[in-house]
Amino acid sequence: MQQKTKAIRLKLDEPPSVNDLYKPVINRNTHQAYMILTPVGKRYKNYVYSVVAKEVRKEDEFISKNDRLEVYIHFYPKNPLRDLDNILKILLDSLQKAKVFVNDRCIVHLQLWKHKACDLNGFITVEIKQETEDY
């Protein structure tokens, strides 16, 4: 008997640009520079958390530290010039904050597709499931 693969499927608003997510800050004491998350980034993380809380049942969550996950992302941008890789950092960090997985280093397979620009506000679809093959 084959075990059924757990999967999570979400439709989310288009993530903000990386340029809008972080701002440089200099520590007054050590004069070291570092990056902090902007209010735009915090709002997106909270938005993803609320969507996951509504859409994902607790028994569907991937909470094992040993899970090896596959992630499939379809991106429908509002602006056709938007970079595909620009969406990953905040998206994966937001899903981790929402406890869909313990850490994004569990991801062993990641596929991204950029589709034609969408007349509506941009959006993404995400499917996360336990690894089905050894890559």
C-alpha atoms as a PDB file:
ATOM      1  CA  MET A   1       0.000   0.000   0.000  1.00  0.00           C
ATOM      2  CA  GLN A   2       1.457   3.326  -1.064  1.00  0.00           C
ATOM      3  CA  GLN A   3       1.535   6.101   1.525  1.00  0.00           C
ATOM      4  CA  LYS A   4      -0.296   9.273   0.516  1.00  0.00           C
ATOM      5  CA  THR A   5       1.979  12.288   0.134  1.00  0.00           C
ATOM      6  CA  LYS A   6       1.061  15.284   2.275  1.00  0.00           C
ATOM      7  CA  ALA A   7       0.836  18.546   0.347  1.00  0.00           C
ATOM      8  CA  ILE A   8      -0.014  22.152   1.076  1.00  0.00           C
ATOM      9  CA  ARG A   9      -1.364  24.391  -1.686  1.00  0.00           C
ATOM     10  CA  LEU A  10      -1.705  28.140  -1.262  1.00  0.00           C
ATOM     11  CA  LYS A  11      -2.615  31.135  -3.392  1.00  0.00           C
ATOM     12  CA  LEU A  12      -0.941  34.310  -2.140  1.00  0.00           C
ATOM     13  CA  ASP A  13      -0.609  37.922  -3.177  1.00  0.00           C
ATOM     14  CA  GLU A  14       2.535  38.836  -5.071  1.00  0.00           C
ATOM     15  CA  PRO A  15       5.385  39.429  -2.611  1.00  0.00           C
ATOM     16  CA  PRO A  16       6.888  42.907  -2.392  1.00  0.00           C
ATOM     17  CA  SER A  17      10.162  43.599  -4.165  1.00  0.00           C
ATOM     18  CA  VAL A  18      13.382  42.816  -2.310  1.00  0.00           C
ATOM     19  CA  ASN A  19      14.210  46.518  -2.700  1.00  0.00           C
ATOM     20  CA  ASP A  20      11.190  47.319  -0.497  1.00  0.00           C
ATOM     21  CA  LEU A  21      11.841  44.636   2.120  1.00  0.00           C
ATOM     22  CA  TYR A  22      15.097  45.544   3.807  1.00  0.00           C
ATOM     23  CA  LYS A  23      16.878  48.718   4.775  1.00  0.00           C
ATOM     24  CA  PRO A  24      20.457  49.166   5.915  1.00  0.00           C
ATOM     25  CA  VAL A  25      21.112  50.233   9.490  1.00  0.00           C
ATOM     26  CA  ILE A  26      24.416  51.095  11.148  1.00  0.00           C
ATOM     27  CA  ASN A  27      25.008  50.169  14.777  1.00  0.00           C
ATOM     28  CA  ARG A  28      25.997  53.379  16.579  1.00  0.00           C
ATOM     29  CA  ASN A  29      28.340  51.577  18.971  1.00  0.00           C
ATOM     30  CA  THR A  30      30.141  49.146  16.667  1.00  0.00           C
ATOM     31  CA  HIS A  31      29.594  51.010  13.371  1.00  0.00           C
ATOM     32  CA  GLN A  32      28.691  47.701  11.738  1.00  0.00           C
ATOM     33  CA  ALA A  33      26.107  47.735   8.994  1.00  0.00           C
ATOM     34  CA  TYR A  34      23.263  45.223   8.844  1.00  0.00           C
ATOM     35  CA  MET A  35      19.859  44.914   7.208  1.00  0.00           C
ATOM     36  CA  ILE A  36      16.482  45.075   8.950  1.00  0.00           C
ATOM     37  CA  LEU A  37      13.033  44.135   7.692  1.00  0.00           C
ATOM     38  CA  THR A  38      10.866  47.129   6.731  1.00  0.00           C
ATOM     39  CA  PRO A  39       7.190  47.536   7.687  1.00  0.00           C
ATOM     40  CA  VAL A  40       6.316  46.359   4.147  1.00  0.00           C
ATOM     41  CA  GLY A  41       8.160  43.093   4.796  1.00  0.00           C
ATOM     42  CA  LYS A  42       6.566  42.671   8.213  1.00  0.00           C
ATOM     43  CA  ARG A  43       3.092  43.184   6.738  1.00  0.00           C
ATOM     44  CA  TYR A  44       3.716  40.546   4.069  1.00  0.00           C
ATOM     45  CA  LYS A  45       4.962  38.025   6.640  1.00  0.00           C
ATOM     46  CA  ASN A  46       1.862  38.651   8.759  1.00  0.00           C
ATOM     47  CA  TYR A  47      -0.357  38.331   5.684  1.00  0.00           C
ATOM     48  CA  VAL A  48       1.147  34.926   4.795  1.00  0.00           C
ATOM     49  CA  TYR A  49       0.777  33.813   8.412  1.00  0.00           C
ATOM     50  CA  SER A  50      -2.942  34.716   8.364  1.00  0.00           C
ATOM     51  CA  VAL A  51      -3.546  32.905   5.045  1.00  0.00           C
ATOM     52  CA  VAL A  52      -1.793  29.783   6.317  1.00  0.00           C
ATOM     53  CA  ALA A  53      -3.781  29.906   9.573  1.00  0.00           C
ATOM     54  CA  LYS A  54      -7.049  29.969   7.585  1.00  0.00           C
ATOM     55  CA  GLU A  55      -6.171  27.502   4.828  1.00  0.00           C
ATOM     56  CA  VAL A  56      -3.917  24.866   6.378  1.00  0.00           C
ATOM     57  CA  ARG A  57      -5.168  22.323   8.875  1.00  0.00           C
ATOM     58  CA  LYS A  58      -2.765  21.514  11.710  1.00  0.00           C
ATOM     59  CA  GLU A  59      -2.402  17.896  10.612  1.00  0.00           C
ATOM     60  CA  ASP A  60      -1.173  19.096   7.189  1.00  0.00           C
ATOM     61  CA  GLU A  61       1.721  21.104   8.566  1.00  0.00           C
ATOM     62  CA  PHE A  62       5.249  19.907   7.946  1.00  0.00           C
ATOM     63  CA  ILE A  63       6.811  20.236  11.366  1.00  0.00           C
ATOM     64  CA  SER A  64       9.363  17.450  11.348  1.00  0.00           C
ATOM     65  CA  LYS A  65      12.942  18.663  11.325  1.00  0.00           C
ATOM     66  CA  ASN A  66      13.813  15.712   9.085  1.00  0.00           C
ATOM     67  CA  ASP A  67      11.331  16.492   6.328  1.00  0.00           C
ATOM     68  CA  ARG A  68      12.800  16.885   2.888  1.00  0.00           C
ATOM     69  CA  LEU A  69      10.453  19.117   0.976  1.00  0.00           C
ATOM     70  CA  GLU A  70       9.669  19.891  -2.643  1.00  0.00           C
ATOM     71  CA  VAL A  71       8.349  23.378  -3.415  1.00  0.00           C
ATOM     72  CA  TYR A  72       6.644  24.417  -6.659  1.00  0.00           C
ATOM     73  CA  ILE A  73       5.925  28.109  -7.213  1.00  0.00           C
ATOM     74  CA  HIS A  74       3.949  29.656 -10.066  1.00  0.00           C
ATOM     75  CA  PHE A  75       4.363  33.422 -10.291  1.00  0.00           C
ATOM     76  CA  TYR A  76       1.823  35.619 -12.099  1.00  0.00           C
ATOM     77  CA  PRO A  77       3.377  39.104 -11.837  1.00  0.00           C
ATOM     78  CA  LYS A  78       1.536  42.366 -12.145  1.00  0.00           C
ATOM     79  CA  ASN A  79       4.605  43.836 -13.843  1.00  0.00           C
ATOM     80  CA  PRO A  80       6.132  41.637 -16.583  1.00  0.00           C
ATOM     81  CA  LEU A  81       9.606  43.042 -15.813  1.00  0.00           C
ATOM     82  CA  ARG A  82       9.592  41.673 -12.268  1.00  0.00           C
ATOM     83  CA  ASP A  83      12.517  39.318 -11.535  1.00  0.00           C
ATOM     84  CA  LEU A  84      11.590  35.737 -10.772  1.00  0.00           C
ATOM     85  CA  ASP A  85      14.208  35.229  -8.073  1.00  0.00           C
ATOM     86  CA  ASN A  86      13.120  38.436  -6.335  1.00  0.00           C
ATOM     87  CA  ILE A  87      10.129  36.708  -4.703  1.00  0.00           C
ATOM     88  CA  LEU A  88      11.911  33.850  -2.968  1.00  0.00           C
ATOM     89  CA  LYS A  89      13.480  35.311   0.183  1.00  0.00           C
ATOM     90  CA  ILE A  90      10.369  36.899   1.701  1.00  0.00           C
ATOM     91  CA  LEU A  91       8.105  34.079   0.537  1.00  0.00           C
ATOM     92  CA  LEU A  92      10.165  31.284   2.097  1.00  0.00           C
ATOM     93  CA  ASP A  93      10.845  33.301   5.262  1.00  0.00           C
ATOM     94  CA  SER A  94       7.111  34.015   5.575  1.00  0.00           C
ATOM     95  CA  LEU A  95       6.162  30.355   5.170  1.00  0.00           C
ATOM     96  CA  GLN A  96       8.736  29.441   7.804  1.00  0.00           C
ATOM     97  CA  LYS A  97       7.313  32.067  10.192  1.00  0.00           C
ATOM     98  CA  ALA A  98       3.855  30.594   9.557  1.00  0.00           C
ATOM     99  CA  LYS A  99       5.273  27.207  10.637  1.00  0.00           C
ATOM    100  CA  VAL A 100       4.563  25.462   7.345  1.00  0.00           C
ATOM    101  CA  PHE A 101       8.067  24.046   7.770  1.00  0.00           C
ATOM    102  CA  VAL A 102      10.675  24.339  10.505  1.00  0.00           C
ATOM    103  CA  ASN A 103      13.385  25.827   8.315  1.00  0.00           C
ATOM    104  CA  ASP A 104      13.692  26.511   4.616  1.00  0.00           C
ATOM    105  CA  ARG A 105      16.862  24.429   4.539  1.00  0.00           C
ATOM    106  CA  CYS A 106      14.477  21.433   4.501  1.00  0.00           C
ATOM    107  CA  ILE A 107      13.771  22.289   0.861  1.00  0.00           C
ATOM    108  CA  VAL A 108      15.646  19.888  -1.397  1.00  0.00           C
ATOM    109  CA  HIS A 109      13.816  20.627  -4.634  1.00  0.00           C
ATOM    110  CA  LEU A 110      12.564  24.037  -5.734  1.00  0.00           C
ATOM    111  CA  GLN A 111      10.894  24.896  -9.037  1.00  0.00           C
ATOM    112  CA  LEU A 112       9.802  28.365 -10.127  1.00  0.00           C
ATOM    113  CA  TRP A 113       7.693  29.366 -13.098  1.00  0.00           C
ATOM    114  CA  LYS A 114       7.048  32.914 -14.236  1.00  0.00           C
ATOM    115  CA  HIS A 115       3.866  33.263 -16.235  1.00  0.00           C
ATOM    116  CA  LYS A 116       2.599  36.144 -18.330  1.00  0.00           C
ATOM    117  CA  ALA A 117       1.727  39.318 -16.485  1.00  0.00           C
ATOM    118  CA  CYS A 118      -1.679  39.311 -14.833  1.00  0.00           C
ATOM    119  CA  ASP A 119      -4.171  42.144 -15.406  1.00  0.00           C
ATOM    120  CA  LEU A 120      -5.211  41.881 -11.777  1.00  0.00           C
ATOM    121  CA  ASN A 121      -2.818  42.350  -8.894  1.00  0.00           C
ATOM    122  CA  GLY A 122      -0.027  39.818  -9.176  1.00  0.00           C
ATOM    123  CA  PHE A 123      -0.224  36.557  -7.288  1.00  0.00           C
ATOM    124  CA  ILE A 124       1.625  33.319  -6.698  1.00  0.00           C
ATOM    125  CA  THR A 125       0.591  29.746  -6.131  1.00  0.00           C
ATOM    126  CA  VAL A 126       2.710  27.543  -3.915  1.00  0.00           C
ATOM    127  CA  GLU A 127       2.650  23.785  -3.509  1.00  0.00           C
ATOM    128  CA  ILE A 128       4.767  22.193  -0.795  1.00  0.00           C
ATOM    129  CA  LYS A 129       5.023  18.463  -0.336  1.00  0.00           C
ATOM    130  CA  GLN A 130       7.283  15.879   1.147  1.00  0.00           C
ATOM    131  CA  GLU A 131      10.022  14.692  -1.157  1.00  0.00           C
ATOM    132  CA  THR A 132       8.899  11.979  -3.525  1.00  0.00           C
ATOM    133  CA  GLU A 133      12.269  11.194  -5.138  1.00  0.00           C
ATOM    134  CA  ASP A 134      15.889  11.290  -4.071  1.00  0.00           C
ATOM    135  CA  TYR A 135      17.599  14.041  -6.066  1.00  0.00           C
END
